[in-house]
Each structure stands twice: as structure tokens, then as C-alpha cells.
Amino acid sequence: MSPLNSMQDIKQNIEAQRDQIFTQLKEIVAFNSVHSEPKLLEDYAGAANWTRDALQNAGFEVSEFLAEDGTTNFIGTRKGAADAPKVLLYSHFDVVPSGPLDLWDTNPFELTERDAGHGTRWYGRGAADCKGNLIMHLAALRAVEASGNTNLNLTFVVEGSEEMGGGALSALIKEKPELFDADVILIADSGNAAVGIPTLTTTLRGGGQVTVTINTLEGAVHSGQYGGAAPDAVAALVRVLDTLRDEHGRTVIDGVNTTANWEGAPYNPDTFRSDAGILDGVDIMGNGDNPASMLWSRPAISITGFTSTPVAEALNAVPATASAKLNLRVPAGLEANEVAEKLKDHLIKHTPWGAKITVEIDDINQPFSTDITGPAMSTLASCLSTAYDGKELATEGSGGSIPLCTELMELNPNAELALYGVEEPLTVIHSANESVDPNEIRDIATAEALFLLNYAK
């Protein structure tokens, strides 16, 4: 057995890569690689070129797939022994928009190392989601190579439109399913329950987008002349939306079970309060129900947009129309289309005063759950625990949706799938000041290298 097969040697190898890891992450974070944004085509292309070169430098034979919507997806292959398992690695190089730059403490496209009260962290858009996971894979593969390499057959999929949609990878899976043949699927697009706690994500919420519009008048009318008797569209919409929660903030949808409890480890309420940034004195929803149940076992509805007259343009008029965008999240065990239709029925049923309501449903995706009791996942769980100095593995759900997981498992029904990575609550992915703990990159890469070196044996 090569000396690098020991956890400590592998971790030391990856620790010695820290400057290289930082440099690689700095290089790819520099690209504002938002998919489908015309003003950012040069940045997107730069990130794609960087990814192609990185895969080739890691010893993969790389195929590039350019979709009509401009998406670039990469599939790298590296052959091992003919009878060895086929392992698929995944991450993505696109990012969500940075948002207002004045909310960032430093330039989101210049990876910056600093201690902001949580130890040394690296700050930048995509530092964790998901460029940090891409760099983690590369670091693990270098450690594997330093240990004499693996006999596993590797496929490395790097997606270019995970965040902003487009469906290019889904279409490629349908068109060329043979490219995604796998016995083990390692999705690095998640992370630990907390820094230093090795974690596998076992469920993902599905969901969809729901747009609800209410009309009450042919046009806005003077509030002095008509207010009080004329039906206010904003008030009607507010009343409808209020029926979607009980007095303690729990989601309510007629005909849908919204009271299930999470069977895994609970989510400490104080930790959740800190992770979510809840203001002092503001209640966690649920009146004592554990946040894990609210997050991972029950449907949830967030009002993500509301349209009426902007406050700065307010007139003394009764509004004739109002709209809201609802983000629906559906836990494993429920069917997303059915829940969305129940939500539509609920909204229509609870509309007051005979107001005219329209409900549009888009972007439905199904929830997902994975079994981690098989031989590959048991090995990975052991590797994660070992990489974190013997700490017990945690399992958790995730509120995010990754349709790719379902698609790959439908294609490979006998495969085992793991969802993990360098993200954890302090990374605040999709928000200003996104960051990654470099030790999380080191330790997740250590676990992955251990798995790649030992599973085939």
C-alpha cells in the first residue's frame, strides 16, 4: 500500500497544495460566469476555457458540448481497469449574479483571504457554490495521482448552466445517456451541516414557481371617491397569501400534509437562528417545531416577489391589480405537480370578494432522496469520518433542488449517489460575501481521495 493511502499523508499532501488551490480558485472566481447573461459572455467563455484546460491538465480526455442557448458542458473521461467500477464526479462552473456590489466587503470577483470572525476564509462569488467544489475535485485527484492513482473508471462532468437554468445538461443526458453511465455518482454541490462536521445530504426538496395575479377593477380609482367600497386588489391578494400560513408561520395548503417531522438529527434552533441571520426578537417559524422538520419534511412557500404600485410612486388610488411570485418547495415523499395543483386550488378557493384570480405554475421539479447504506456510500461515509478525525457522520436534508440527481438515478437505477461538498452555513451561498473555509476544501478532498484510492479494492 502506498504511504499516501493513509489519511494523514493524504491530508498533508492536500494541505501542501493550499497555495495551488487558492491560485486555481482565484483564477476561476475572477470570471463573472453567469449563464445566459449577454453582457457576461466573455466572462462565461473565460470560465469555460479555464475549466477545459483544468480537466485536461488533470489527465482527462475532454469532450465539450455547446448548446443552442450558449451553455457549455464538459465531460472528461479517464479509463481505469476494465472490471473496475465507474465513478462519476460532478460540479458546475456557472454562478448566480453577484447582486449589488456595495453589499460586498470586497470585490466578489477577486478571491480574498480574511478572518471575519469565523477563522480564515476565502471570499468571492462561487468560492463555495460551486467553483470551490470544482477545485476540491481537482485537489483530490492530484492527491490520488501522488498515491499511484486509482483503478476506477472516472467520468468528470462539469455543468455550465446549473444556477440559471437552460436544461442543456438534461437534454444531453437524454441525447447521449451512454456518457453518464456510472456505478457511483459523487455530486459535489452541497456541504456540511457545520464547519468540521462531515455530512451527507440525503434528501432534496423539489418545487416550482407559482405566479398569482388578482384583478378587481377595470383600472385604479380615486381612493377618496371610491375607497372603502371599491375592492382593493392588493388587500385581496394579501388576504389570500395570509391563508398559506397558520398563526405560528407554519405552511398550510388545503389537502396537503404539512405536519411531517424530520426523522434524522434535529437542527439546533439557536444554530439555525444564527445560520439564517434571524433578527433578535423575531421568532423562528413553527412555535417550537424543530427547524429540520420545517425545512426538510414539509412543503414551504416563500413570497419571493410582489408587484403593485411602488411606494415611491404611490397615489391616492385603489389598486386594480396585484401579483405575487411564490417559490414552492416540496419534500421527498410528496409529488411536486400534485402539491402545486393543490396550492393553485387553495389560492382560488380562498380568494375573497369574487376577485378575479389567475395562477400560473412553472419550473416544476421533483424532490429527491438517496440511500446511503450501500457499499459505496458506506465506504464514502467511512472516508468522510476518517478525514474529519473520526467524527461521526451527520445526515441532513437540503432545501435546494438539484434535478440532475433524479435524472442520473433514473438513468442508472442501480447506482449509488452521494451529495456532499465544501459548502456549509457560513458560506452564505447566493448572498453577498460568499466564502469558503479552506480547511473544508482540504478535508472533503481528503475524504474523496481516500474513496477513489480504496473503493475499487
Protein backbone atom coordinates (compact mmCIF):
# COMPACT_ATOMS: atom_id res chain seq x y z
CA MET A 1 0.00 0.00 0.00
CA SER A 2 1.35 3.41 -0.95
CA PRO A 3 2.15 5.62 2.04
CA LEU A 4 -0.31 8.19 0.72
CA ASN A 5 -3.13 5.74 1.33
CA SER A 6 -3.09 6.79 4.98
CA MET A 7 -5.42 9.64 5.82
CA GLN A 8 -2.73 11.78 7.40
CA ASP A 9 -0.42 11.51 4.39
CA ILE A 10 -3.24 12.38 2.00
CA LYS A 11 -4.35 15.32 4.14
CA GLN A 12 -0.76 16.56 4.34
CA ASN A 13 -0.48 16.27 0.55
CA ILE A 14 -3.61 18.36 0.06
CA GLU A 15 -2.54 20.84 2.74
CA ALA A 16 0.71 21.26 0.81
CA GLN A 17 -1.42 22.13 -2.22
CA ARG A 18 -3.02 25.11 -0.41
CA ASP A 19 -1.28 27.78 -2.47
CA GLN A 20 -2.17 25.96 -5.68
CA ILE A 21 -5.77 25.50 -4.52
CA PHE A 22 -6.02 29.22 -3.70
CA THR A 23 -4.49 30.19 -7.05
CA GLN A 24 -6.83 27.96 -9.04
CA LEU A 25 -9.87 29.20 -7.14
CA LYS A 26 -8.71 32.80 -7.55
CA GLU A 27 -8.34 32.30 -11.30
CA ILE A 28 -11.81 30.89 -11.87
CA VAL A 29 -13.58 33.17 -9.36
CA ALA A 30 -12.25 36.09 -11.42
CA PHE A 31 -14.78 35.18 -14.15
CA ASN A 32 -18.29 36.51 -13.58
CA SER A 33 -19.64 33.36 -15.22
CA VAL A 34 -23.39 33.88 -15.03
CA HIS A 35 -25.08 31.78 -17.69
CA SER A 36 -27.43 33.41 -20.23
CA GLU A 37 -26.37 36.99 -19.47
CA PRO A 38 -25.41 38.67 -22.76
CA LYS A 39 -23.18 41.25 -21.08
CA LEU A 40 -21.12 38.49 -19.46
CA LEU A 41 -20.44 36.26 -22.46
CA GLU A 42 -16.70 36.96 -22.33
CA ASP A 43 -16.51 36.05 -18.65
CA TYR A 44 -18.58 32.91 -19.21
CA ALA A 45 -16.32 31.84 -22.07
CA GLY A 46 -13.26 32.53 -19.95
CA ALA A 47 -14.53 30.27 -17.17
CA ALA A 48 -15.38 27.58 -19.71
CA ASN A 49 -11.90 27.72 -21.21
CA TRP A 50 -10.33 27.57 -17.75
CA THR A 51 -12.42 24.51 -16.91
CA ARG A 52 -11.49 22.71 -20.12
CA ASP A 53 -7.79 23.30 -19.52
CA ALA A 54 -8.04 22.19 -15.89
CA LEU A 55 -9.71 18.90 -16.82
CA GLN A 56 -7.13 18.22 -19.50
CA ASN A 57 -4.29 19.02 -17.11
CA ALA A 58 -5.84 16.54 -14.66
CA GLY A 59 -5.39 13.79 -17.25
CA PHE A 60 -8.93 13.61 -18.63
CA GLU A 61 -9.93 13.21 -22.24
CA VAL A 62 -12.36 16.11 -22.53
CA SER A 63 -15.47 16.43 -24.69
CA GLU A 64 -17.12 19.84 -24.94
CA PHE A 65 -20.83 20.22 -25.65
CA LEU A 66 -22.14 23.63 -26.73
CA ALA A 67 -25.92 24.05 -26.62
CA GLU A 68 -28.03 26.45 -28.65
CA ASP A 69 -28.65 28.63 -25.59
CA GLY A 70 -24.90 29.17 -25.22
CA THR A 71 -24.39 26.66 -22.43
CA THR A 72 -21.07 24.84 -22.38
CA ASN A 73 -20.93 21.48 -20.62
CA PHE A 74 -17.81 19.34 -20.24
CA ILE A 75 -17.39 15.60 -19.84
CA GLY A 76 -13.95 14.31 -19.01
CA THR A 77 -13.14 10.61 -19.04
CA ARG A 78 -10.21 8.68 -17.61
CA LYS A 79 -10.15 4.94 -18.07
CA GLY A 80 -9.17 2.55 -15.32
CA ALA A 81 -9.30 -1.23 -15.10
CA ALA A 82 -11.84 -2.92 -17.34
CA ASP A 83 -13.64 -4.57 -14.43
CA ALA A 84 -13.39 -1.62 -12.02
CA PRO A 85 -16.45 0.44 -11.01
CA LYS A 86 -17.41 3.54 -12.96
CA VAL A 87 -17.41 6.69 -10.82
CA LEU A 88 -18.95 9.98 -11.98
CA LEU A 89 -17.76 13.26 -10.41
CA TYR A 90 -19.86 16.40 -10.78
CA SER A 91 -19.68 20.14 -10.17
CA HIS A 92 -20.54 23.31 -12.12
CA PHE A 93 -18.65 26.46 -13.10
CA ASP A 94 -21.52 28.93 -13.55
CA VAL A 95 -22.60 31.20 -10.70
CA VAL A 96 -25.56 33.29 -9.61
CA PRO A 97 -25.31 37.08 -10.13
CA SER A 98 -23.30 38.94 -7.53
CA GLY A 99 -26.12 41.30 -6.62
CA PRO A 100 -25.38 44.88 -5.54
CA LEU A 101 -21.62 45.30 -5.22
CA ASP A 102 -21.99 47.67 -2.27
CA LEU A 103 -23.23 44.74 -0.18
CA TRP A 104 -19.87 43.02 -0.57
CA ASP A 105 -16.96 43.85 1.70
CA THR A 106 -14.52 43.04 -1.11
CA ASN A 107 -14.68 42.59 -4.87
CA PRO A 108 -16.74 39.40 -5.46
CA PHE A 109 -14.55 38.50 -8.44
CA GLU A 110 -11.22 38.80 -6.63
CA LEU A 111 -10.74 35.92 -4.22
CA THR A 112 -9.83 37.49 -0.89
CA GLU A 113 -8.49 35.81 2.24
CA ARG A 114 -9.51 37.29 5.56
CA ASP A 115 -10.77 36.46 9.04
CA ALA A 116 -14.23 37.94 9.61
CA GLY A 117 -14.77 36.30 12.98
CA HIS A 118 -15.09 32.69 11.82
CA GLY A 119 -11.44 31.87 11.16
CA THR A 120 -9.63 32.24 7.86
CA ARG A 121 -11.99 32.15 4.90
CA TRP A 122 -11.74 32.86 1.17
CA TYR A 123 -14.36 35.31 -0.14
CA GLY A 124 -15.74 35.58 -3.67
CA ARG A 125 -18.74 34.71 -5.80
CA GLY A 126 -18.66 30.96 -6.43
CA ALA A 127 -15.96 30.39 -3.80
CA ALA A 128 -18.20 27.65 -2.41
CA ASP A 129 -21.02 27.19 -4.94
CA CYS A 130 -19.72 25.65 -6.95
CA LYS A 131 -16.23 26.66 -8.05
CA GLY A 132 -14.91 25.66 -4.65
CA ASN A 133 -16.26 22.16 -5.22
CA LEU A 134 -14.70 22.02 -8.67
CA ILE A 135 -11.33 22.96 -7.19
CA MET A 136 -11.85 20.39 -4.42
CA HIS A 137 -12.26 17.62 -7.02
CA LEU A 138 -9.03 18.69 -8.71
CA ALA A 139 -7.12 18.72 -5.41
CA ALA A 140 -8.40 15.24 -4.56
CA LEU A 141 -7.34 13.94 -7.96
CA ARG A 142 -3.82 15.32 -7.51
CA ALA A 143 -3.55 13.50 -4.19
CA VAL A 144 -4.78 10.32 -5.85
CA GLU A 145 -2.15 10.68 -8.56
CA ALA A 146 0.55 11.23 -5.94
CA SER A 147 -0.52 7.96 -4.36
CA GLY A 148 -0.10 5.95 -7.55
CA ASN A 149 -3.57 6.65 -8.95
CA THR A 150 -6.82 4.71 -8.90
CA ASN A 151 -8.05 1.77 -10.95
CA LEU A 152 -11.55 3.25 -11.04
CA ASN A 153 -13.03 4.41 -14.33
CA LEU A 154 -13.68 8.13 -13.92
CA THR A 155 -16.13 10.47 -15.61
CA PHE A 156 -15.90 14.14 -14.63
CA VAL A 157 -18.99 16.20 -15.52
CA VAL A 158 -18.77 19.98 -15.20
CA GLU A 159 -22.01 21.81 -15.96
CA GLY A 160 -22.27 25.35 -17.27
CA SER A 161 -25.89 26.28 -16.54
CA GLU A 162 -26.86 24.84 -13.17
CA GLU A 163 -27.80 28.08 -11.48
CA MET A 164 -29.82 29.96 -14.09
CA GLY A 165 -31.45 27.03 -15.85
CA GLY A 166 -31.42 26.25 -19.54
CA GLY A 167 -31.77 22.48 -19.45
CA ALA A 168 -28.75 21.82 -21.65
CA LEU A 169 -27.31 19.08 -19.44
CA SER A 170 -30.72 17.42 -19.08
CA ALA A 171 -31.05 17.39 -22.85
CA LEU A 172 -27.55 15.93 -23.20
CA ILE A 173 -28.39 13.15 -20.73
CA LYS A 174 -31.40 12.22 -22.86
CA GLU A 175 -29.49 12.51 -26.13
CA LYS A 176 -26.30 10.70 -25.08
CA PRO A 177 -27.11 8.61 -21.99
CA GLU A 178 -24.06 6.40 -22.54
CA LEU A 179 -21.83 9.32 -21.48
CA PHE A 180 -23.33 9.24 -17.98
CA ASP A 181 -23.08 5.52 -17.28
CA ALA A 182 -21.99 5.12 -13.65
CA ASP A 183 -21.96 2.78 -10.68
CA VAL A 184 -21.19 5.57 -8.20
CA ILE A 185 -22.20 9.23 -8.56
CA LEU A 186 -20.39 11.85 -6.47
CA ILE A 187 -22.25 15.18 -6.64
CA ALA A 188 -20.17 17.95 -5.08
CA ASP A 189 -22.81 20.67 -4.86
CA SER A 190 -23.73 20.61 -1.18
CA GLY A 191 -21.84 20.56 2.09
CA ASN A 192 -21.57 20.01 5.80
CA ALA A 193 -24.14 20.74 8.49
CA ALA A 194 -21.49 22.97 10.07
CA VAL A 195 -17.77 23.59 9.69
CA GLY A 196 -15.92 20.45 10.72
CA ILE A 197 -18.97 18.14 10.74
CA PRO A 198 -18.73 15.50 7.97
CA THR A 199 -22.14 15.34 6.31
CA LEU A 200 -24.02 13.60 3.53
CA THR A 201 -27.19 15.18 2.19
CA THR A 202 -29.87 12.51 1.83
CA THR A 203 -32.92 14.45 0.63
CA LEU A 204 -33.56 17.42 -1.63
CA ARG A 205 -36.74 19.42 -1.89
CA GLY A 206 -38.37 19.74 -5.27
CA GLY A 207 -40.76 22.51 -6.09
CA GLY A 208 -41.76 25.10 -8.62
CA GLN A 209 -42.59 28.72 -9.32
CA VAL A 210 -46.14 29.99 -8.94
CA THR A 211 -47.33 33.40 -10.16
CA VAL A 212 -50.65 34.61 -8.75
CA THR A 213 -52.43 37.71 -10.06
CA ILE A 214 -55.59 39.32 -8.75
CA ASN A 215 -57.72 41.88 -10.60
CA THR A 216 -60.67 43.72 -9.09
CA LEU A 217 -61.27 46.87 -11.14
CA GLU A 218 -61.05 48.00 -14.76
CA GLY A 219 -58.46 50.48 -13.57
CA ALA A 220 -57.26 52.22 -10.42
CA VAL A 221 -59.85 54.64 -8.98
CA HIS A 222 -59.60 57.63 -6.65
CA SER A 223 -59.49 56.44 -3.04
CA GLY A 224 -61.37 59.48 -1.81
CA GLN A 225 -64.27 58.86 -4.19
CA TYR A 226 -64.33 55.06 -4.12
CA GLY A 227 -62.08 53.77 -1.32
CA GLY A 228 -63.84 51.63 1.22
CA ALA A 229 -66.38 50.16 -1.18
CA ALA A 230 -64.24 49.53 -4.23
CA PRO A 231 -62.40 46.18 -3.87
CA ASP A 232 -58.66 46.72 -3.32
CA ALA A 233 -56.66 44.17 -5.35
CA VAL A 234 -53.65 44.43 -3.05
CA ALA A 235 -55.79 43.79 0.02
CA ALA A 236 -57.40 40.80 -1.72
CA LEU A 237 -54.00 39.34 -2.58
CA VAL A 238 -52.65 39.92 0.92
CA ARG A 239 -55.68 38.14 2.36
CA VAL A 240 -55.18 35.17 0.01
CA LEU A 241 -51.47 34.88 0.82
CA ASP A 242 -52.14 35.05 4.54
CA THR A 243 -54.14 31.81 4.31
CA LEU A 244 -50.93 29.95 3.39
CA ARG A 245 -49.62 30.14 6.98
CA ASP A 246 -51.13 29.44 10.37
CA GLU A 247 -50.71 31.81 13.31
CA HIS A 248 -47.26 30.35 14.05
CA GLY A 249 -45.96 30.68 10.50
CA ARG A 250 -46.35 27.03 9.51
CA THR A 251 -47.17 26.47 5.84
CA VAL A 252 -50.78 25.45 5.16
CA ILE A 253 -52.06 24.07 1.84
CA ASP A 254 -55.53 22.57 1.75
CA GLY A 255 -55.36 18.84 1.06
CA VAL A 256 -51.60 18.53 1.63
CA ASN A 257 -49.84 17.05 4.67
CA THR A 258 -47.79 19.92 6.07
CA THR A 259 -47.08 18.43 9.52
CA ALA A 260 -44.49 15.68 8.88
CA ASN A 261 -41.44 15.51 11.16
CA TRP A 262 -37.78 15.02 10.18
CA GLU A 263 -36.54 11.60 11.30
CA GLY A 264 -32.85 12.44 11.22
CA ALA A 265 -30.81 14.57 13.58
CA PRO A 266 -32.53 17.82 14.64
CA TYR A 267 -31.32 21.26 13.62
CA ASN A 268 -30.38 23.15 16.77
CA PRO A 269 -32.73 26.18 16.86
CA ASP A 270 -30.03 28.54 18.11
CA THR A 271 -27.71 27.40 15.34
CA PHE A 272 -30.47 27.82 12.79
CA ARG A 273 -31.21 31.31 14.09
CA SER A 274 -27.56 32.23 13.63
CA ASP A 275 -27.22 30.50 10.24
CA ALA A 276 -30.33 32.21 8.87
CA GLY A 277 -29.46 35.60 10.34
CA ILE A 278 -32.80 35.99 12.14
CA LEU A 279 -33.02 39.33 13.93
CA ASP A 280 -33.14 39.47 17.71
CA GLY A 281 -36.66 39.10 18.99
CA VAL A 282 -38.03 37.64 15.74
CA ASP A 283 -39.50 34.16 16.08
CA ILE A 284 -38.44 31.07 14.17
CA MET A 285 -41.49 29.79 12.34
CA GLY A 286 -43.27 26.78 13.84
CA ASN A 287 -43.88 27.56 17.52
CA GLY A 288 -41.26 25.09 18.70
CA ASP A 289 -41.35 22.61 15.83
CA ASN A 290 -37.76 21.73 15.01
CA PRO A 291 -36.35 23.68 12.05
CA ALA A 292 -35.27 20.38 10.43
CA SER A 293 -38.93 19.39 10.05
CA MET A 294 -39.88 22.80 8.70
CA LEU A 295 -37.02 22.68 6.19
CA TRP A 296 -36.77 19.09 5.03
CA SER A 297 -40.03 17.27 5.76
CA ARG A 298 -42.76 19.79 4.95
CA PRO A 299 -43.79 21.90 1.98
CA ALA A 300 -42.78 25.53 2.20
CA ILE A 301 -43.89 28.65 0.37
CA SER A 302 -41.83 31.82 0.13
CA ILE A 303 -43.21 35.05 -1.32
CA THR A 304 -40.24 35.98 -3.47
CA GLY A 305 -41.80 38.86 -5.37
CA PHE A 306 -44.75 41.24 -5.04
CA THR A 307 -45.93 43.75 -7.60
CA SER A 308 -48.30 46.68 -7.16
CA THR A 309 -47.71 50.41 -7.12
CA PRO A 310 -44.18 51.16 -5.84
CA VAL A 311 -44.16 53.16 -2.62
CA ALA A 312 -42.26 55.99 -4.27
CA GLU A 313 -44.99 56.26 -6.91
CA ALA A 314 -47.98 55.78 -4.62
CA LEU A 315 -51.13 57.72 -5.47
CA ASN A 316 -54.39 58.15 -3.59
CA ALA A 317 -55.97 55.39 -5.63
CA VAL A 318 -57.49 51.98 -5.01
CA PRO A 319 -55.27 49.40 -6.78
CA ALA A 320 -56.92 47.44 -9.55
CA THR A 321 -54.34 44.68 -9.84
CA ALA A 322 -51.62 42.96 -7.81
CA SER A 323 -49.31 40.00 -8.40
CA ALA A 324 -47.01 37.82 -6.35
CA LYS A 325 -44.36 35.25 -7.19
CA LEU A 326 -44.34 32.24 -4.90
CA ASN A 327 -41.49 29.77 -4.60
CA LEU A 328 -42.84 26.35 -3.67
CA ARG A 329 -40.60 23.73 -2.03
CA VAL A 330 -41.76 20.12 -1.84
CA PRO A 331 -40.08 17.48 0.40
CA ALA A 332 -39.25 13.92 -0.55
CA GLY A 333 -42.31 11.71 -0.25
CA LEU A 334 -44.64 14.17 -1.99
CA GLU A 335 -45.19 14.68 -5.72
CA ALA A 336 -44.36 18.22 -6.81
CA ASN A 337 -47.02 18.51 -9.54
CA GLU A 338 -49.74 17.37 -7.16
CA VAL A 339 -48.69 19.80 -4.45
CA ALA A 340 -48.52 22.66 -6.97
CA GLU A 341 -52.05 21.89 -8.19
CA LYS A 342 -53.29 21.72 -4.59
CA LEU A 343 -51.69 25.10 -3.98
CA LYS A 344 -53.46 26.52 -7.04
CA ASP A 345 -56.79 25.16 -5.81
CA HIS A 346 -56.13 26.62 -2.35
CA LEU A 347 -55.40 30.08 -3.75
CA ILE A 348 -58.54 30.09 -5.89
CA LYS A 349 -60.72 28.80 -3.04
CA HIS A 350 -59.53 31.46 -0.60
CA THR A 351 -59.82 34.45 -2.94
CA PRO A 352 -62.21 36.96 -1.32
CA TRP A 353 -64.94 39.21 -2.68
CA GLY A 354 -65.29 37.47 -6.03
CA ALA A 355 -61.96 38.93 -7.15
CA LYS A 356 -60.58 37.57 -10.42
CA ILE A 357 -57.53 35.38 -9.84
CA THR A 358 -55.12 33.69 -12.23
CA VAL A 359 -52.49 31.17 -11.11
CA GLU A 360 -49.60 30.12 -13.36
CA ILE A 361 -47.29 27.21 -12.47
CA ASP A 362 -43.79 26.90 -13.94
CA ASP A 363 -40.45 25.09 -13.48
CA ILE A 364 -41.74 22.08 -11.58
CA ASN A 365 -39.04 19.68 -10.38
CA GLN A 366 -39.38 16.62 -8.20
CA PRO A 367 -37.92 16.06 -4.72
CA PHE A 368 -35.14 13.54 -4.31
CA SER A 369 -33.89 11.11 -1.69
CA THR A 370 -30.90 8.79 -1.72
CA ASP A 371 -29.98 5.61 0.14
CA ILE A 372 -26.57 5.76 1.81
CA THR A 373 -26.50 2.19 3.12
CA GLY A 374 -24.91 0.57 0.04
CA PRO A 375 -21.25 -0.47 -0.16
CA ALA A 376 -20.03 2.64 -1.99
CA MET A 377 -21.82 5.06 0.30
CA SER A 378 -20.72 3.11 3.37
CA THR A 379 -17.15 3.42 2.15
CA LEU A 380 -17.55 7.13 1.47
CA ALA A 381 -19.14 7.67 4.88
CA SER A 382 -16.15 5.97 6.50
CA CYS A 383 -13.76 8.11 4.44
CA LEU A 384 -15.55 11.30 5.48
CA SER A 385 -15.44 10.32 9.13
CA THR A 386 -11.75 9.42 8.84
CA ALA A 387 -10.91 12.70 7.08
CA TYR A 388 -12.55 14.59 9.95
CA ASP A 389 -10.50 12.75 12.59
CA GLY A 390 -13.12 10.17 13.46
CA LYS A 391 -16.11 12.47 13.89
CA GLU A 392 -19.47 10.78 13.42
CA LEU A 393 -21.09 11.30 10.04
CA ALA A 394 -24.15 13.55 10.03
CA THR A 395 -27.01 13.34 7.54
CA GLU A 396 -29.26 16.21 6.60
CA GLY A 397 -31.79 17.35 4.05
CA SER A 398 -31.45 20.33 1.78
CA GLY A 399 -33.93 22.94 0.73
CA GLY A 400 -32.25 23.30 -2.64
CA SER A 401 -33.28 21.45 -5.77
CA ILE A 402 -30.83 19.56 -8.00
CA PRO A 403 -32.92 17.84 -10.72
CA LEU A 404 -29.72 16.26 -12.04
CA CYS A 405 -29.75 13.81 -9.12
CA THR A 406 -33.09 12.37 -10.19
CA GLU A 407 -32.09 12.29 -13.85
CA LEU A 408 -28.85 10.41 -13.18
CA MET A 409 -30.53 7.87 -10.90
CA GLU A 410 -33.29 7.24 -13.44
CA LEU A 411 -30.54 6.55 -15.98
CA ASN A 412 -28.52 4.41 -13.53
CA PRO A 413 -31.12 2.82 -11.21
CA ASN A 414 -28.57 0.51 -9.57
CA ALA A 415 -26.03 3.24 -8.90
CA GLU A 416 -25.27 4.80 -5.53
CA LEU A 417 -25.31 8.59 -5.26
CA ALA A 418 -23.66 10.90 -2.74
CA LEU A 419 -24.38 14.59 -2.31
CA TYR A 420 -21.73 16.48 -0.33
CA GLY A 421 -19.14 19.20 -0.73
CA VAL A 422 -17.39 22.25 0.68
CA GLU A 423 -20.47 24.35 1.41
CA GLU A 424 -21.76 24.87 4.96
CA PRO A 425 -23.97 27.56 6.53
CA LEU A 426 -21.22 30.16 6.89
CA THR A 427 -20.60 30.11 3.14
CA VAL A 428 -23.88 32.05 2.61
CA ILE A 429 -24.08 30.86 -0.98
CA HIS A 430 -26.08 33.07 -3.37
CA SER A 431 -25.65 36.03 -0.99
CA ALA A 432 -23.14 38.84 -0.69
CA ASN A 433 -19.81 37.90 0.90
CA GLU A 434 -20.00 34.24 -0.15
CA SER A 435 -16.97 32.42 1.20
CA VAL A 436 -15.39 29.04 1.75
CA ASP A 437 -13.32 27.65 4.60
CA PRO A 438 -10.07 26.37 3.03
CA ASN A 439 -9.96 23.57 5.60
CA GLU A 440 -13.29 22.31 4.29
CA ILE A 441 -11.76 22.06 0.81
CA ARG A 442 -8.81 20.17 2.31
CA ASP A 443 -10.88 17.75 4.37
CA ILE A 444 -13.57 17.00 1.75
CA ALA A 445 -10.81 16.47 -0.82
CA THR A 446 -9.06 14.14 1.63
CA ALA A 447 -12.23 12.06 2.01
CA GLU A 448 -12.78 11.94 -1.74
CA ALA A 449 -9.18 10.92 -2.41
CA LEU A 450 -9.44 8.15 0.20
CA PHE A 451 -12.58 6.88 -1.51
CA LEU A 452 -11.07 6.94 -5.00
CA LEU A 453 -8.00 5.11 -3.78
CA ASN A 454 -9.72 2.43 -1.77
CA TYR A 455 -13.19 1.68 -3.16
CA ALA A 456 -12.01 -0.40 -6.10
CA LYS A 457 -10.02 -2.57 -3.69
